Every structure is written in C-alpha cells, then in structure tokens.
Amino acid sequence: MTYKLVITRRAARDRDRAFDWFSANYSNAYANRWYQGVSQAIESITQNPLLSHKAQESESLPFELYEVLYGKRRNKHRILFTVENDTVLVLHIRHSAQRDLTADDF
C-alpha cells in the first residue's frame, strides 16, 4: 500500500532553509543535490512508513512520531513524520545536531 504524502508548511520551510544554508556555505550544486536527495527520501517514506524507527521524542508526545535519517556525517538530517490513516504527514526536517522536539514545537 502506498500512503498519501503531505508535507507541512513547517517542514517545507525547514527544507528550504537547509537548502539556503548549503547554497551559502557549500555551493548551489551541493544544495541542489541535497534538496533532490532529501525530497526522494521523503517520497520513499510513503512505501512502508510504519517500518521506520520511532523518534526518541515519540515517548513524550501524544502521538507516534517516526523518523528517517538523510545525509552523512555532519550533514545528517532527521525527517520527522507521523502516520494518520493512509497519509504520511511530514512535520519537520531538522539537522541531527538540533535539540529534540517538544510538544511546544507542534
């Protein structure tokens, strides 16, 4: 079963900000490769989202939060999402070094 995909405005803004940072600090080519790669990683979640790891924040939230990691070494990002019926809802895209999410972040 393929799930529908919804990317929240917050997650889209997270992705755009990361793109801008990579463009300013690495290169436009690197930023474009990263953007395409993270977009493909997000799309791949729709195949089997419930096989993804639960995010460590999930225990302190009133809903199940899952994560998929994208990137390597210093440029690893967490794609954080939840599953509602037949829909994958991408909530945040955060650098792996950022603090954990709290209920106030939603």
Protein backbone atom coordinates (compact mmCIF):
# COMPACT_ATOMS: atom_id res chain seq x y z
CA MET A 1 0.00 0.00 0.00
CA THR A 2 1.31 3.42 -0.91
CA TYR A 3 0.42 6.17 1.53
CA LYS A 4 -0.52 9.71 0.54
CA LEU A 5 2.14 12.29 1.33
CA VAL A 6 1.55 15.67 2.98
CA ILE A 7 4.47 17.97 3.74
CA THR A 8 3.54 20.65 6.24
CA ARG A 9 4.48 24.26 5.61
CA ARG A 10 6.87 23.99 8.54
CA ALA A 11 8.67 21.00 7.01
CA ALA A 12 8.81 22.70 3.60
CA ARG A 13 10.28 25.79 5.27
CA ASP A 14 12.81 23.60 7.11
CA ARG A 15 13.86 22.05 3.80
CA ASP A 16 14.13 25.45 2.10
CA ARG A 17 16.23 26.88 4.94
CA ALA A 18 18.61 23.94 4.81
CA PHE A 19 18.88 24.40 1.04
CA ASP A 20 19.71 28.08 1.51
CA TRP A 21 22.33 27.24 4.15
CA PHE A 22 24.00 24.63 1.93
CA SER A 23 23.94 27.03 -1.00
CA ALA A 24 25.59 29.80 1.03
CA ASN A 25 28.10 27.57 2.85
CA TYR A 26 28.91 24.91 0.23
CA SER A 27 27.67 25.53 -3.31
CA ASN A 28 24.49 25.75 -5.36
CA ALA A 29 25.30 22.36 -6.90
CA TYR A 30 25.67 20.75 -3.46
CA ALA A 31 22.45 22.39 -2.26
CA ASN A 32 20.58 21.11 -5.32
CA ARG A 33 21.87 17.55 -4.82
CA TRP A 34 20.90 17.68 -1.14
CA TYR A 35 17.42 19.02 -1.94
CA GLN A 36 16.79 16.33 -4.56
CA GLY A 37 18.09 13.62 -2.23
CA VAL A 38 16.05 14.67 0.79
CA SER A 39 12.97 15.00 -1.43
CA GLN A 40 13.49 11.43 -2.68
CA ALA A 41 13.95 10.23 0.90
CA ILE A 42 10.67 11.89 1.87
CA GLU A 43 8.89 10.32 -1.10
CA SER A 44 10.27 6.87 -0.21
CA ILE A 45 8.57 7.00 3.20
CA THR A 46 5.21 6.50 1.51
CA GLN A 47 6.01 2.87 0.68
CA ASN A 48 6.31 1.50 4.24
CA PRO A 49 6.22 4.32 6.79
CA LEU A 50 5.49 2.10 9.78
CA LEU A 51 8.76 0.24 9.24
CA SER A 52 10.67 3.43 10.09
CA HIS A 53 12.20 3.97 13.51
CA LYS A 54 10.18 5.76 16.12
CA ALA A 55 11.78 9.07 17.04
CA GLN A 56 13.02 9.25 20.60
CA GLU A 57 10.63 12.15 21.23
CA SER A 58 7.70 9.86 20.48
CA GLU A 59 7.54 8.66 24.08
CA SER A 60 6.82 12.16 25.37
CA LEU A 61 4.28 13.14 22.71
CA PRO A 62 0.57 12.31 22.47
CA PHE A 63 1.12 10.72 19.05
CA GLU A 64 3.66 8.40 17.43
CA LEU A 65 6.50 10.27 15.78
CA TYR A 66 8.73 8.46 13.29
CA GLU A 67 12.00 9.46 11.69
CA VAL A 68 14.10 8.73 8.64
CA LEU A 69 17.69 9.92 8.53
CA TYR A 70 19.08 11.53 5.40
CA GLY A 71 22.67 12.54 4.79
CA LYS A 72 26.07 11.64 6.11
CA ARG A 73 28.39 12.72 8.88
CA ARG A 74 27.97 16.40 9.71
CA ASN A 75 25.15 16.94 7.22
CA LYS A 76 22.69 14.36 8.54
CA HIS A 77 19.06 15.44 8.82
CA ARG A 78 16.06 13.88 10.52
CA ILE A 79 12.82 13.70 8.55
CA LEU A 80 10.15 13.60 11.27
CA PHE A 81 6.66 12.41 10.43
CA THR A 82 3.52 10.80 11.71
CA VAL A 83 1.07 8.44 10.03
CA GLU A 84 -2.66 9.17 10.07
CA ASN A 85 -4.80 6.50 8.40
CA ASP A 86 -3.45 6.33 4.82
CA THR A 87 -1.43 9.57 4.99
CA VAL A 88 2.19 10.29 5.88
CA LEU A 89 2.40 13.76 7.39
CA VAL A 90 5.94 15.19 7.36
CA LEU A 91 6.14 17.60 10.29
CA HIS A 92 9.79 18.70 10.48
CA ILE A 93 13.15 18.32 8.80
CA ARG A 94 15.88 19.00 11.33
CA HIS A 95 19.63 18.71 11.45
CA SER A 96 20.59 15.76 13.63
CA ALA A 97 22.57 18.06 15.98
CA GLN A 98 19.49 20.14 16.85
CA ARG A 99 17.79 19.63 20.18
CA ASP A 100 14.99 17.10 20.45
CA LEU A 101 11.48 18.30 19.73
CA THR A 102 8.98 19.03 22.48
CA ALA A 103 5.20 19.31 22.38
CA ASP A 104 5.65 23.09 22.05
CA ASP A 105 7.26 22.57 18.62
CA PHE A 106 3.96 21.37 17.13
